[in-house]
Amino acid sequence: MSKGRKRDARINLAALVLLLGLVLIGYRLVDLQVVRADRFKQIAEDQRYQQTDINPLRGCLTDREGQVLAISKEAYSIYATPYLVNDKPAAAAELSGILQKPRQELEEKLRTKGGFVYIERKVSPEVADAVKGLGIDGIGLQKESKRFYPQGGLASQILGFVGTDNVGLAGLELQYESTLAGEWGEAGMEMDPAGEPIPGVSKMIKPPMDGSDVQLTLDSEIQFKLQEQLAQSLKDSGAQNATGLVMDCRTGEILAMGSYPDFDVNLYSNVVADVTRNRAVTDGFEPGSVLKILTAMAAIDQGVVSPNSVINVPFSIQIGEYEFKDDHPMEKDDLTFTEVIAHSSNIGTIKTAQATGKDAFSKYVEEAGLGQLTGVDFPGENCGVVLKPEKWNATSLPTMAIGQGITVSPIQLAVLTSIVANGGLKVTPHFLKQLEHPDGSTELYQGSGGEPIISEESAASLRRILGEVVRMGTGTRAAMSLYNCAGKTGTAMKVNPEGGYREAYIATFTGFAPTEDPRLVTVITLDEPTSIYYGGLAAAPCFSQVMEFALQHLQVTPSIDHVNTKEKVISE
C-alpha cells in the first residue's frame, strides 16, 4: 500500500474514532441534559437546598392569677460539621473552657464520621455568643428554646418537665403536651459548599403555629404555704414524706397540691424519680379511720342511724376468727353515733356498717368513686384497690368500714370529703382553668355541676358530726382561730409486702371549712411518721395552718359562732 493510502486510512480511522467520540459525547449530553435532566437537577438541589423544621414556641403554664410557672426562653444548640474542623484538639480545648465539659469528650464528638453532630444543647445566649466569638470553622449555632420554671420548686411535682426536645415527659407538661407544643413549621434554604446557609434566599414552606398557654387553677400563694407546712410537718414528725392538697369543694378546682421532699424543676435531671412523683394522685394507701366518713355517709343516707342514735360499744367484738378492738378505751359503753365518729370508735363503726349491710355499703363505695379514676387531668392516676362485693368474706365489711383492706389516693379522699362539704354532690377535680390560644381567643374549662350522691339533709348531718371530731374528738388540733372546720383523722398501719401489717403508719387528716358554708377541702398525709404518728397529732396541725391561710387569702368571711377548740386532744 502506498504511503498516501496509508495516511488516508489513518485519517479516516481517526475521523471515525473522533466521530464515535462525538456521538458518545452527544449521547451523554442528551442523556444528562434531556433524558435524566430532572433526576440530576434534583440531586443538585438536594446538595445545595435543604429543608429545616422550625420550632414553634411552647405555650406557658400560669397560675389562676396569670403568674408564670413555666415558660420557654431563647436558647441555642451548638453543633459541628466535623470534616470542616481542621484542628480538632485545639477546637476541643477552646470549647471546653466555655462549655465546662471535658476536652476529651468534645474531641471525640468532633471526630465523629458524618456531616453533623451536636456539641451541646440548649445553652444560654451568652454562652452561644462566646462560642461564636471563637470563630472556629465547622462550629455553628442553632436557635432553639429552653423550658424555664421561674418559681423553681413551686408546684414541681404538678408541673412536671420537658425533655431536651421540648416534649413533655411528666406532670401537666405531659398531660397538655398537644396543647402546649403547637405545630412545627418548615422552611427551605440554600447552602454554600461549606454547609452554611446563604443569607437572603431562605423560603418559608409552612409557618409554625405556637402552642396555647394553659392557665391552671393553682394559687401560687396557697401552693407556697402548703409546701412550707409539709416541710415543717416532715421535720416535726420524722416522716419519710408528706403529701397534701387544697381543693375548692364546690367546683373541683385544685388550688394547691404537692409532696415534700420536692425539687427544683430546672434541675430535674439531677434528682431521683421518686421525688418527682405527684403522690397525691399516683399513690394509693390504706386510709384507716378517715374512711369512716364513707361508713357514716352510707348509714346516715340510708336512715340506718341518726346523729343521736345510741350504739353500745364494748371494748372488742369477735367476727369470724378475728377480734376487732378500739385503739383506745371509750369513756362509756353507750355512745351516740356522733360520738362514735368523733372519738373514732372502731367497734361502733363496725356495728353501724353491719346494720347498713353489704349491698348498701358497697353501693356507696362505688358511687363515691373509690376503686375508680376521679377524672383529674393528670397522668398516672392511681384508682386504688377495692375488692368486688362477690369476693368479700366475713371480715371484709368490718375491715373496709374502718379503712382497712381497701386503698385510696389523697385525691380520692378529697373527692369523698367534698361530697359531704358540697351538699351531697360529687365534683371532678381538675387543674385546667382556661386555654389562651395564640390568636388571642380563650377557652374556659366547662365542668359539670356535680353528681348527686347523698341528700342535702344527709350531708348537713354529716357536716355536724364531722364538726364534732374537731370540737371535742380526735381532731382538735385541726381547729383554727377564725373558722369552724370539720373532718376526720386517720392512723393506718402499713401493709407488710409479705402479709399482714408492720409497725409503720400513715397519718392522715381530711376536712373542710368553714363548716357552716364549706369552701375548701384539704387533705394531709404523712408517710411513716416516727416521733408522732397519730393523724390527730401529726397531720391535723398541718391542715389547720394550711386551711386558715387559704381561707384568709381567698377573703372568706370568718365564722360568726366559733366553736372549735384546741384544748383537748384524743389519739386514735
Protein backbone atom coordinates (compact mmCIF):
# COMPACT_ATOMS: atom_id res chain seq x y z
CA MET A 1 0.00 0.00 0.00
CA SER A 2 1.36 3.40 -0.92
CA LYS A 3 2.20 5.93 1.74
CA GLY A 4 -0.71 8.14 0.58
CA ARG A 5 -3.21 5.40 1.06
CA LYS A 6 -1.83 4.53 4.50
CA ARG A 7 -2.11 8.16 5.53
CA ASP A 8 -5.70 8.37 4.27
CA ALA A 9 -6.60 5.20 6.15
CA ARG A 10 -5.16 6.62 9.37
CA ILE A 11 -7.03 9.86 8.81
CA ASN A 12 -10.24 8.01 8.14
CA LEU A 13 -9.74 5.87 11.27
CA ALA A 14 -9.02 8.96 13.38
CA ALA A 15 -12.05 10.66 11.90
CA LEU A 16 -14.15 7.61 12.69
CA VAL A 17 -12.85 7.48 16.26
CA LEU A 18 -13.46 11.21 16.62
CA LEU A 19 -16.93 10.81 15.18
CA LEU A 20 -17.71 7.94 17.56
CA GLY A 21 -16.39 10.06 20.41
CA LEU A 22 -18.60 12.94 19.37
CA VAL A 23 -21.57 10.60 19.12
CA LEU A 24 -20.85 9.25 22.59
CA ILE A 25 -20.43 12.74 23.98
CA GLY A 26 -23.63 13.81 22.25
CA TYR A 27 -25.42 10.76 23.62
CA ARG A 28 -24.09 11.52 27.08
CA LEU A 29 -25.16 15.14 26.81
CA VAL A 30 -28.64 14.14 25.68
CA ASP A 31 -28.77 11.56 28.48
CA LEU A 32 -27.68 14.04 31.15
CA GLN A 33 -29.46 17.15 29.90
CA VAL A 34 -32.63 15.63 28.47
CA VAL A 35 -33.30 12.02 29.49
CA ARG A 36 -32.08 12.28 33.12
CA ALA A 37 -32.17 16.02 33.48
CA ASP A 38 -34.85 16.04 36.17
CA ARG A 39 -33.02 13.49 38.27
CA PHE A 40 -29.71 15.33 38.24
CA LYS A 41 -31.46 18.63 38.80
CA GLN A 42 -32.99 17.13 41.94
CA ILE A 43 -29.60 15.84 43.10
CA ALA A 44 -28.09 19.28 42.65
CA GLU A 45 -30.95 20.91 44.52
CA ASP A 46 -30.66 18.38 47.31
CA GLN A 47 -26.98 19.25 47.68
CA ARG A 48 -27.44 22.99 47.92
CA TYR A 49 -31.06 23.26 49.10
CA GLN A 50 -32.15 21.94 52.49
CA GLN A 51 -35.43 21.88 54.36
CA THR A 52 -35.42 22.51 58.08
CA ASP A 53 -38.05 22.30 60.79
CA ILE A 54 -38.94 25.50 62.61
CA ASN A 55 -39.68 25.19 66.30
CA PRO A 56 -43.00 26.57 67.47
CA LEU A 57 -42.93 28.48 70.76
CA ARG A 58 -44.21 26.22 73.54
CA GLY A 59 -47.13 27.67 75.47
CA CYS A 60 -46.80 28.91 79.04
CA LEU A 61 -48.21 27.39 82.20
CA THR A 62 -49.61 30.03 84.55
CA ASP A 63 -51.46 30.01 87.86
CA ARG A 64 -55.03 31.25 88.29
CA GLU A 65 -53.83 34.88 88.57
CA GLY A 66 -51.63 34.69 85.49
CA GLN A 67 -48.31 34.27 87.30
CA VAL A 68 -45.94 32.37 85.02
CA LEU A 69 -44.96 28.90 86.26
CA ALA A 70 -43.36 27.56 83.07
CA ILE A 71 -42.14 29.49 80.02
CA SER A 72 -39.91 28.90 77.01
CA LYS A 73 -36.99 31.29 76.60
CA GLU A 74 -34.32 31.81 73.92
CA ALA A 75 -31.53 29.24 73.81
CA TYR A 76 -29.01 27.89 71.31
CA SER A 77 -27.63 24.49 70.45
CA ILE A 78 -24.00 24.22 69.37
CA TYR A 79 -23.26 21.82 66.52
CA ALA A 80 -20.29 20.83 64.40
CA THR A 81 -19.65 19.78 60.83
CA PRO A 82 -16.69 17.53 61.79
CA TYR A 83 -14.92 17.38 58.41
CA LEU A 84 -14.72 21.20 58.35
CA VAL A 85 -13.00 21.44 61.76
CA ASN A 86 -9.31 21.49 60.86
CA ASP A 87 -7.55 21.35 64.23
CA LYS A 88 -9.84 19.19 66.32
CA PRO A 89 -7.71 19.03 69.52
CA ALA A 90 -7.34 22.81 69.57
CA ALA A 91 -11.04 23.36 68.89
CA ALA A 92 -11.97 20.93 71.67
CA ALA A 93 -9.68 22.72 74.11
CA GLU A 94 -11.21 26.12 73.32
CA LEU A 95 -14.79 24.82 73.57
CA SER A 96 -14.02 23.02 76.81
CA GLY A 97 -13.21 26.26 78.59
CA ILE A 98 -16.53 27.84 77.64
CA LEU A 99 -18.85 24.83 77.94
CA GLN A 100 -17.19 23.44 81.07
CA LYS A 101 -17.07 19.96 79.57
CA PRO A 102 -14.11 17.55 79.35
CA ARG A 103 -11.84 18.24 76.38
CA GLN A 104 -11.61 14.53 75.52
CA GLU A 105 -15.41 14.25 75.30
CA LEU A 106 -15.64 17.20 72.93
CA GLU A 107 -12.77 15.99 70.76
CA GLU A 108 -14.45 12.61 70.44
CA LYS A 109 -17.58 14.33 69.12
CA LEU A 110 -15.52 16.37 66.64
CA ARG A 111 -14.03 13.15 65.27
CA THR A 112 -17.49 11.74 64.54
CA LYS A 113 -17.89 10.49 60.98
CA GLY A 114 -20.70 12.34 59.28
CA GLY A 115 -21.74 15.85 58.49
CA PHE A 116 -23.47 16.84 61.72
CA VAL A 117 -23.12 16.33 65.48
CA TYR A 118 -24.48 18.23 68.47
CA ILE A 119 -21.77 19.57 70.77
CA GLU A 120 -24.13 20.96 73.43
CA ARG A 121 -27.89 21.52 73.58
CA LYS A 122 -29.86 24.47 74.94
CA VAL A 123 -27.11 26.85 76.08
CA SER A 124 -27.77 30.47 77.04
CA PRO A 125 -27.34 33.32 74.52
CA GLU A 126 -24.26 34.45 76.49
CA VAL A 127 -22.57 31.07 76.07
CA ALA A 128 -23.59 30.98 72.41
CA ASP A 129 -22.00 34.40 71.83
CA ALA A 130 -18.78 33.23 73.48
CA VAL A 131 -18.63 30.15 71.21
CA LYS A 132 -19.36 32.27 68.15
CA GLY A 133 -16.55 34.61 69.15
CA LEU A 134 -14.03 31.76 68.87
CA GLY A 135 -14.52 31.79 65.09
CA ILE A 136 -13.86 28.06 64.68
CA ASP A 137 -14.57 26.77 61.17
CA GLY A 138 -17.18 23.99 61.22
CA ILE A 139 -18.78 25.07 64.52
CA GLY A 140 -22.29 26.53 64.20
CA LEU A 141 -25.26 27.67 66.31
CA GLN A 142 -28.87 26.61 66.00
CA LYS A 143 -31.51 28.82 67.63
CA GLU A 144 -33.93 26.89 69.84
CA SER A 145 -35.91 27.44 73.03
CA LYS A 146 -35.42 26.11 76.54
CA ARG A 147 -38.09 25.46 79.15
CA PHE A 148 -37.67 27.59 82.26
CA TYR A 149 -39.53 27.43 85.56
CA PRO A 150 -39.30 30.86 87.23
CA GLN A 151 -40.59 29.62 90.60
CA GLY A 152 -38.05 26.80 90.90
CA GLY A 153 -39.52 24.18 93.22
CA LEU A 154 -43.03 25.62 93.43
CA ALA A 155 -45.56 23.01 92.30
CA SER A 156 -42.71 20.99 90.83
CA GLN A 157 -44.46 17.60 91.00
CA ILE A 158 -47.57 19.07 89.38
CA LEU A 159 -45.89 20.95 86.54
CA GLY A 160 -43.59 18.09 85.57
CA PHE A 161 -40.90 18.77 82.98
CA VAL A 162 -39.92 18.52 79.31
CA GLY A 163 -37.05 16.72 77.62
CA THR A 164 -34.24 18.17 75.53
CA ASP A 165 -36.54 18.34 72.50
CA ASN A 166 -39.21 20.30 74.43
CA VAL A 167 -41.57 17.34 74.64
CA GLY A 168 -43.48 16.91 77.90
CA LEU A 169 -42.22 13.95 79.94
CA ALA A 170 -44.15 14.25 83.20
CA GLY A 171 -46.89 16.12 85.03
CA LEU A 172 -49.03 18.74 83.35
CA GLU A 173 -46.30 19.28 80.75
CA LEU A 174 -47.13 15.75 79.60
CA GLN A 175 -50.89 15.96 80.22
CA TYR A 176 -51.25 19.03 77.98
CA GLU A 177 -48.45 18.23 75.53
CA SER A 178 -50.61 18.56 72.41
CA THR A 179 -51.97 21.91 73.61
CA LEU A 180 -48.67 23.42 74.73
CA ALA A 181 -46.48 22.09 71.91
CA GLY A 182 -48.06 23.83 68.93
CA GLU A 183 -47.28 22.71 65.36
CA TRP A 184 -43.86 22.63 63.71
CA GLY A 185 -43.18 24.82 60.71
CA GLU A 186 -40.91 24.14 57.74
CA ALA A 187 -38.51 26.36 55.80
CA GLY A 188 -36.11 25.84 52.88
CA MET A 189 -32.66 27.42 52.45
CA GLU A 190 -29.73 27.26 50.05
CA MET A 191 -26.37 26.15 51.43
CA ASP A 192 -22.88 27.12 50.35
CA PRO A 193 -20.13 24.47 49.77
CA ALA A 194 -19.14 24.75 53.45
CA GLY A 195 -22.64 23.78 54.53
CA GLU A 196 -23.58 27.25 55.79
CA PRO A 197 -26.92 28.84 54.83
CA ILE A 198 -26.78 31.57 52.16
CA PRO A 199 -28.37 34.71 53.65
CA GLY A 200 -31.48 36.10 51.98
CA VAL A 201 -32.53 33.04 50.00
CA SER A 202 -34.49 31.05 52.59
CA LYS A 203 -38.14 30.33 51.85
CA MET A 204 -40.96 29.64 54.30
CA ILE A 205 -42.81 26.47 53.32
CA LYS A 206 -45.09 26.13 56.33
CA PRO A 207 -45.13 28.66 59.18
CA PRO A 208 -45.01 27.25 62.72
CA MET A 209 -48.05 27.53 64.98
CA ASP A 210 -47.16 28.41 68.57
CA GLY A 211 -48.65 26.42 71.42
CA SER A 212 -51.51 27.66 73.58
CA ASP A 213 -50.99 28.96 77.10
CA VAL A 214 -52.59 26.83 79.82
CA GLN A 215 -53.92 28.72 82.81
CA LEU A 216 -54.20 26.47 85.85
CA THR A 217 -56.48 26.56 88.89
CA LEU A 218 -53.41 26.66 91.15
CA ASP A 219 -52.97 29.57 93.53
CA SER A 220 -49.24 30.24 93.95
CA GLU A 221 -49.65 31.73 97.44
CA ILE A 222 -51.60 28.75 98.77
CA GLN A 223 -49.22 26.38 96.97
CA PHE A 224 -46.25 28.00 98.71
CA LYS A 225 -47.94 27.76 102.12
CA LEU A 226 -48.81 24.10 101.57
CA GLN A 227 -45.24 23.20 100.63
CA GLU A 228 -43.88 25.19 103.56
CA GLN A 229 -46.15 23.40 106.04
CA LEU A 230 -45.49 19.96 104.55
CA ALA A 231 -41.77 20.55 105.06
CA GLN A 232 -42.41 21.61 108.66
CA SER A 233 -44.61 18.57 109.32
CA LEU A 234 -41.92 16.30 107.94
CA LYS A 235 -39.42 17.87 110.31
CA ASP A 236 -41.75 17.65 113.32
CA SER A 237 -42.92 14.07 112.77
CA GLY A 238 -39.85 12.39 111.27
CA ALA A 239 -41.96 11.11 108.36
CA GLN A 240 -40.42 9.86 105.12
CA ASN A 241 -42.60 12.15 103.04
CA ALA A 242 -45.60 14.44 103.41
CA THR A 243 -48.37 14.98 100.87
CA GLY A 244 -51.24 17.44 100.73
CA LEU A 245 -53.77 19.19 98.56
CA VAL A 246 -56.29 22.01 98.74
CA MET A 247 -59.41 21.85 96.55
CA ASP A 248 -62.47 24.03 96.08
CA CYS A 249 -65.21 21.63 97.19
CA ARG A 250 -67.84 23.39 95.05
CA THR A 251 -66.03 23.32 91.70
CA GLY A 252 -63.26 20.71 92.00
CA GLU A 253 -60.60 23.36 91.25
CA ILE A 254 -57.27 22.27 92.74
CA LEU A 255 -55.68 25.30 94.39
CA ALA A 256 -52.59 23.55 95.70
CA MET A 257 -51.05 20.09 95.68
CA GLY A 258 -47.64 18.71 96.45
CA SER A 259 -45.32 16.45 98.38
CA TYR A 260 -42.19 17.00 100.40
CA PRO A 261 -39.33 16.41 99.69
CA ASP A 262 -39.76 18.38 96.47
CA PHE A 263 -37.27 19.61 93.84
CA ASP A 264 -36.33 22.48 91.54
CA VAL A 265 -37.85 21.66 88.15
CA ASN A 266 -34.99 23.41 86.34
CA LEU A 267 -32.66 20.75 87.77
CA TYR A 268 -34.95 17.74 87.36
CA SER A 269 -32.29 15.62 85.67
CA ASN A 270 -30.24 15.67 88.88
CA VAL A 271 -32.93 14.26 91.20
CA VAL A 272 -34.21 10.73 91.75
CA ALA A 273 -37.51 9.81 90.12
CA ASP A 274 -39.15 9.10 93.47
CA VAL A 275 -39.03 12.80 94.40
CA THR A 276 -40.68 13.90 91.15
CA ARG A 277 -43.80 11.78 91.74
CA ASN A 278 -47.07 13.57 92.47
CA ARG A 279 -48.11 11.30 95.35
CA ALA A 280 -51.50 12.95 95.83
CA VAL A 281 -52.61 11.43 92.53
CA THR A 282 -50.30 8.49 91.85
CA ASP A 283 -50.05 6.79 95.27
CA GLY A 284 -52.58 4.53 96.95
CA PHE A 285 -52.62 3.54 100.63
CA GLU A 286 -54.89 2.01 103.26
CA PRO A 287 -56.51 5.11 104.76
CA GLY A 288 -57.60 3.83 108.17
CA SER A 289 -60.17 5.79 110.14
CA VAL A 290 -60.62 8.62 107.65
CA LEU A 291 -62.73 6.18 105.65
CA LYS A 292 -65.26 6.17 108.49
CA ILE A 293 -66.62 9.18 106.59
CA LEU A 294 -67.87 6.72 103.97
CA THR A 295 -69.39 4.38 106.56
CA ALA A 296 -71.16 7.32 108.18
CA MET A 297 -72.31 8.55 104.77
CA ALA A 298 -73.92 5.23 103.89
CA ALA A 299 -75.56 4.76 107.30
CA ILE A 300 -76.93 8.31 107.57
CA ASP A 301 -78.17 8.46 103.97
CA GLN A 302 -79.85 5.05 104.28
CA GLY A 303 -81.54 6.09 107.51
CA VAL A 304 -79.85 3.32 109.47
CA VAL A 305 -78.71 5.80 112.15
CA SER A 306 -79.15 9.44 113.03
CA PRO A 307 -76.57 11.64 114.74
CA ASN A 308 -78.18 10.90 118.11
CA SER A 309 -78.69 7.14 117.67
CA VAL A 310 -77.22 5.27 120.65
CA ILE A 311 -74.82 2.40 119.94
CA ASN A 312 -73.46 0.03 122.56
CA VAL A 313 -69.69 -0.11 122.22
CA PRO A 314 -67.89 -2.96 124.01
CA PHE A 315 -64.10 -2.88 124.03
CA SER A 316 -63.92 -5.65 121.41
CA ILE A 317 -66.09 -7.85 119.21
CA GLN A 318 -65.40 -11.21 117.55
CA ILE A 319 -66.19 -11.60 113.84
CA GLY A 320 -65.24 -14.95 112.40
CA GLU A 321 -61.74 -15.71 113.60
CA TYR A 322 -60.78 -12.07 114.01
CA GLU A 323 -61.16 -9.88 117.10
CA PHE A 324 -61.74 -6.19 116.48
CA LYS A 325 -60.83 -3.62 119.15
CA ASP A 326 -60.82 0.11 119.66
CA ASP A 327 -57.45 1.84 119.65
CA HIS A 328 -58.25 3.48 122.96
CA PRO A 329 -60.92 2.82 125.62
CA MET A 330 -64.16 4.76 125.20
CA GLU A 331 -65.33 6.85 128.16
CA LYS A 332 -68.63 4.95 128.28
CA ASP A 333 -70.28 1.86 126.81
CA ASP A 334 -73.17 3.65 125.11
CA LEU A 335 -72.21 6.29 122.54
CA THR A 336 -74.29 8.37 120.19
CA PHE A 337 -73.37 7.88 116.55
CA THR A 338 -71.87 11.38 116.60
CA GLU A 339 -69.60 10.31 119.46
CA VAL A 340 -68.70 7.10 117.64
CA ILE A 341 -67.29 9.13 114.76
CA ALA A 342 -65.91 11.95 116.90
CA HIS A 343 -63.93 9.53 119.09
CA SER A 344 -63.20 7.21 116.15
CA SER A 345 -64.61 4.03 117.68
CA ASN A 346 -63.82 1.03 115.50
CA ILE A 347 -66.44 -1.09 117.28
CA GLY A 348 -69.21 1.48 116.92
CA THR A 349 -68.33 1.99 113.24
CA ILE A 350 -68.28 -1.75 112.52
CA LYS A 351 -71.64 -2.30 114.20
CA THR A 352 -73.07 0.58 112.14
CA ALA A 353 -71.68 -0.93 108.92
CA GLN A 354 -73.20 -4.32 109.78
CA ALA A 355 -76.56 -2.65 110.31
CA THR A 356 -76.21 -0.85 106.97
CA GLY A 357 -75.44 -4.10 105.16
CA LYS A 358 -73.05 -5.23 102.47
CA ASP A 359 -75.19 -4.19 99.50
CA ALA A 360 -75.83 -0.64 100.66
CA PHE A 361 -72.24 -0.14 101.84
CA SER A 362 -70.76 -1.36 98.55
CA LYS A 363 -73.17 0.91 96.67
CA TYR A 364 -71.73 3.99 98.37
CA VAL A 365 -68.18 2.74 97.86
CA GLU A 366 -68.85 2.66 94.14
CA GLU A 367 -70.82 5.91 93.92
CA ALA A 368 -68.20 7.80 95.92
CA GLY A 369 -65.69 6.75 93.26
CA LEU A 370 -63.42 4.51 95.31
CA GLY A 371 -61.60 1.99 93.15
CA GLN A 372 -62.14 4.28 90.14
CA LEU A 373 -60.35 7.17 88.48
CA THR A 374 -61.53 10.56 89.69
CA GLY A 375 -61.08 12.05 86.22
CA VAL A 376 -58.42 14.52 87.36
CA ASP A 377 -56.43 15.90 84.43
CA PHE A 378 -53.10 14.43 85.46
CA PRO A 379 -51.21 11.42 84.07
CA GLY A 380 -50.66 8.23 86.06
CA GLU A 381 -53.64 8.44 88.42
CA ASN A 382 -53.94 5.56 90.88
CA CYS A 383 -57.52 4.28 91.04
CA GLY A 384 -56.95 2.38 94.28
CA VAL A 385 -57.92 -1.19 95.10
CA VAL A 386 -61.42 -2.23 96.12
CA LEU A 387 -62.40 -5.88 96.40
CA LYS A 388 -65.51 -6.74 94.40
CA PRO A 389 -68.50 -7.48 96.68
CA GLU A 390 -68.84 -11.04 95.37
CA LYS A 391 -65.36 -11.77 96.72
CA TRP A 392 -65.97 -10.40 100.21
CA ASN A 393 -65.63 -12.74 103.19
CA ALA A 394 -66.94 -12.42 106.75
CA THR A 395 -64.41 -9.74 107.71
CA SER A 396 -64.46 -7.67 104.51
CA LEU A 397 -67.29 -5.35 105.54
CA PRO A 398 -65.95 -4.61 109.05
CA THR A 399 -62.39 -4.06 107.85
CA MET A 400 -63.41 -1.78 104.97
CA ALA A 401 -65.74 0.14 107.30
CA ILE A 402 -62.70 1.24 109.34
CA GLY A 403 -60.44 1.83 106.32
CA GLN A 404 -58.54 -1.45 106.02
CA GLY A 405 -58.44 -3.88 103.11
CA ILE A 406 -59.00 -1.00 100.68
CA THR A 407 -56.61 1.53 99.15
CA VAL A 408 -57.31 5.10 98.10
CA SER A 409 -55.30 8.10 96.94
CA PRO A 410 -55.30 11.55 98.59
CA ILE A 411 -57.24 12.98 95.63
CA GLN A 412 -59.93 10.31 96.11
CA LEU A 413 -60.17 11.28 99.79
CA ALA A 414 -60.63 14.89 98.72
CA VAL A 415 -63.49 13.92 96.41
CA LEU A 416 -65.10 11.80 99.16
CA THR A 417 -64.82 14.65 101.67
CA SER A 418 -66.19 17.15 99.17
CA ILE A 419 -69.40 15.13 98.83
CA VAL A 420 -70.17 15.94 102.46
CA ALA A 421 -68.96 19.54 102.15
CA ASN A 422 -70.80 20.20 98.88
CA GLY A 423 -74.31 19.25 99.91
CA GLY A 424 -74.06 15.67 98.66
CA LEU A 425 -72.68 16.49 95.20
CA LYS A 426 -69.52 14.84 93.83
CA VAL A 427 -67.28 17.10 91.73
CA THR A 428 -64.47 16.24 89.32
CA PRO A 429 -61.08 17.55 90.50
CA HIS A 430 -59.14 19.46 87.86
CA PHE A 431 -56.14 21.70 87.21
CA LEU A 432 -57.30 23.37 83.99
CA LYS A 433 -58.89 26.80 84.32
CA GLN A 434 -58.70 28.02 80.74
CA LEU A 435 -56.73 27.87 77.50
CA GLU A 436 -55.37 31.01 75.86
CA HIS A 437 -54.73 30.42 72.15
CA PRO A 438 -52.13 32.25 70.00
CA ASP A 439 -54.87 34.11 68.13
CA GLY A 440 -55.99 35.72 71.40
CA SER A 441 -59.10 33.61 71.91
CA THR A 442 -59.76 31.83 75.19
CA GLU A 443 -61.44 28.55 76.07
CA LEU A 444 -62.80 28.17 79.60
CA TYR A 445 -62.93 24.80 81.36
CA GLN A 446 -66.51 23.58 81.33
CA GLY A 447 -67.08 21.47 84.42
CA SER A 448 -70.28 19.73 85.45
CA GLY A 449 -72.45 20.96 88.29
CA GLY A 450 -71.71 17.87 90.35
CA GLU A 451 -73.19 14.40 90.61
CA PRO A 452 -75.67 13.83 93.49
CA ILE A 453 -74.51 11.01 95.79
CA ILE A 454 -76.38 11.67 99.04
CA SER A 455 -79.20 14.01 100.01
CA GLU A 456 -78.58 17.56 101.20
CA GLU A 457 -80.08 16.61 104.57
CA SER A 458 -77.66 13.70 104.95
CA ALA A 459 -74.73 15.94 104.01
CA ALA A 460 -75.81 18.55 106.58
CA SER A 461 -75.98 15.88 109.32
CA LEU A 462 -72.54 14.59 108.38
CA ARG A 463 -71.07 18.10 108.48
CA ARG A 464 -72.31 18.49 112.05
CA ILE A 465 -70.94 15.06 113.01
CA LEU A 466 -67.52 15.75 111.49
CA GLY A 467 -67.53 19.15 113.15
CA GLU A 468 -67.61 17.34 116.49
CA VAL A 469 -64.42 15.47 115.53
CA VAL A 470 -62.65 18.84 115.69
CA ARG A 471 -64.65 20.33 118.56
CA MET A 472 -64.19 17.51 121.08
CA GLY A 473 -62.89 14.39 119.32
CA THR A 474 -59.67 13.09 117.79
CA GLY A 475 -59.11 16.10 115.54
CA THR A 476 -58.98 19.06 117.95
CA ARG A 477 -55.55 20.07 116.64
CA ALA A 478 -57.17 20.83 113.29
CA ALA A 479 -59.02 23.75 114.89
CA MET A 480 -58.40 27.25 113.56
CA SER A 481 -58.55 30.69 115.12
CA LEU A 482 -61.09 32.27 112.77
CA TYR A 483 -63.03 29.45 111.14
CA ASN A 484 -65.00 26.41 112.20
CA CYS A 485 -63.85 23.29 110.43
CA ALA A 486 -64.82 19.63 110.25
CA GLY A 487 -63.03 16.47 109.23
CA LYS A 488 -61.71 13.08 110.18
CA THR A 489 -58.42 11.73 111.46
CA GLY A 490 -56.78 8.50 110.37
CA THR A 491 -53.84 6.44 111.62
CA ALA A 492 -53.32 3.35 109.47
CA MET A 493 -50.69 0.64 109.83
CA LYS A 494 -48.86 -0.03 106.60
CA VAL A 495 -49.22 -3.32 104.81
CA ASN A 496 -46.32 -5.76 105.01
CA PRO A 497 -45.50 -6.99 101.50
CA GLU A 498 -45.05 -10.46 102.95
CA GLY A 499 -48.52 -10.39 104.50
CA GLY A 500 -50.24 -8.69 107.42
CA TYR A 501 -49.15 -5.31 108.77
CA ARG A 502 -45.94 -3.83 110.09
CA GLU A 503 -45.11 -1.25 112.74
CA ALA A 504 -45.21 1.72 110.39
CA TYR A 505 -48.06 4.18 109.92
CA ILE A 506 -49.67 6.69 107.61
CA ALA A 507 -51.17 9.64 109.49
CA THR A 508 -53.99 11.49 107.74
CA PHE A 509 -56.41 14.34 108.24
CA THR A 510 -59.06 15.24 105.70
CA GLY A 511 -61.52 18.06 106.28
CA PHE A 512 -63.33 21.15 105.08
CA ALA A 513 -64.08 24.70 106.20
CA PRO A 514 -65.95 26.79 107.08
CA THR A 515 -68.24 24.10 108.49
CA GLU A 516 -71.37 26.23 108.10
CA ASP A 517 -70.69 27.11 104.45
CA PRO A 518 -67.82 24.94 103.13
CA ARG A 519 -65.48 26.45 100.58
CA LEU A 520 -62.32 24.32 100.68
CA VAL A 521 -61.32 20.70 101.28
CA THR A 522 -57.79 19.93 102.44
CA VAL A 523 -56.13 16.52 102.77
CA ILE A 524 -52.81 15.94 104.56
CA THR A 525 -50.99 12.58 104.75
CA LEU A 526 -47.67 11.77 106.41
CA ASP A 527 -45.91 8.56 105.41
CA GLU A 528 -44.22 6.71 108.28
CA PRO A 529 -44.02 9.44 110.92
CA THR A 530 -41.89 8.34 113.87
CA SER A 531 -41.90 10.91 116.69
CA ILE A 532 -45.69 11.45 116.49
CA TYR A 533 -47.75 9.19 114.28
CA TYR A 534 -51.46 9.68 115.10
CA GLY A 535 -53.38 11.54 112.42
CA GLY A 536 -54.83 13.92 115.01
CA LEU A 537 -51.37 14.81 116.28
CA ALA A 538 -49.19 14.67 113.17
CA ALA A 539 -51.43 15.65 110.21
CA ALA A 540 -54.17 17.80 111.79
CA PRO A 541 -51.88 20.75 112.73
CA CYS A 542 -50.66 20.98 109.14
CA PHE A 543 -54.29 21.00 107.97
CA SER A 544 -55.05 23.85 110.40
CA GLN A 545 -52.17 26.04 109.20
CA VAL A 546 -52.77 25.50 105.50
CA MET A 547 -56.57 25.81 105.64
CA GLU A 548 -56.64 29.00 107.71
CA PHE A 549 -54.10 30.67 105.44
CA ALA A 550 -56.01 29.62 102.31
CA LEU A 551 -59.36 30.89 103.60
CA GLN A 552 -57.89 34.23 104.65
CA HIS A 553 -56.04 34.53 101.34
CA LEU A 554 -59.33 33.98 99.50
CA GLN A 555 -61.01 36.55 101.80
CA VAL A 556 -63.59 34.09 103.09
CA THR A 557 -65.68 35.60 105.89
CA PRO A 558 -64.68 34.18 109.31
CA SER A 559 -67.17 32.03 111.25
CA ILE A 560 -69.53 34.10 113.40
CA ASP A 561 -70.17 31.45 116.07
CA HIS A 562 -66.71 29.99 116.56
CA VAL A 563 -66.95 26.64 118.38
CA ASN A 564 -63.67 24.85 117.59
CA THR A 565 -61.20 24.41 120.43
CA LYS A 566 -57.59 23.27 120.62
CA GLU A 567 -57.66 22.38 124.32
CA LYS A 568 -58.40 18.65 124.21
CA VAL A 569 -56.50 16.10 122.14
CA ILE A 570 -57.60 12.48 121.81
CA SER A 571 -55.43 9.95 119.99
CA GLU A 572 -56.68 7.07 117.90
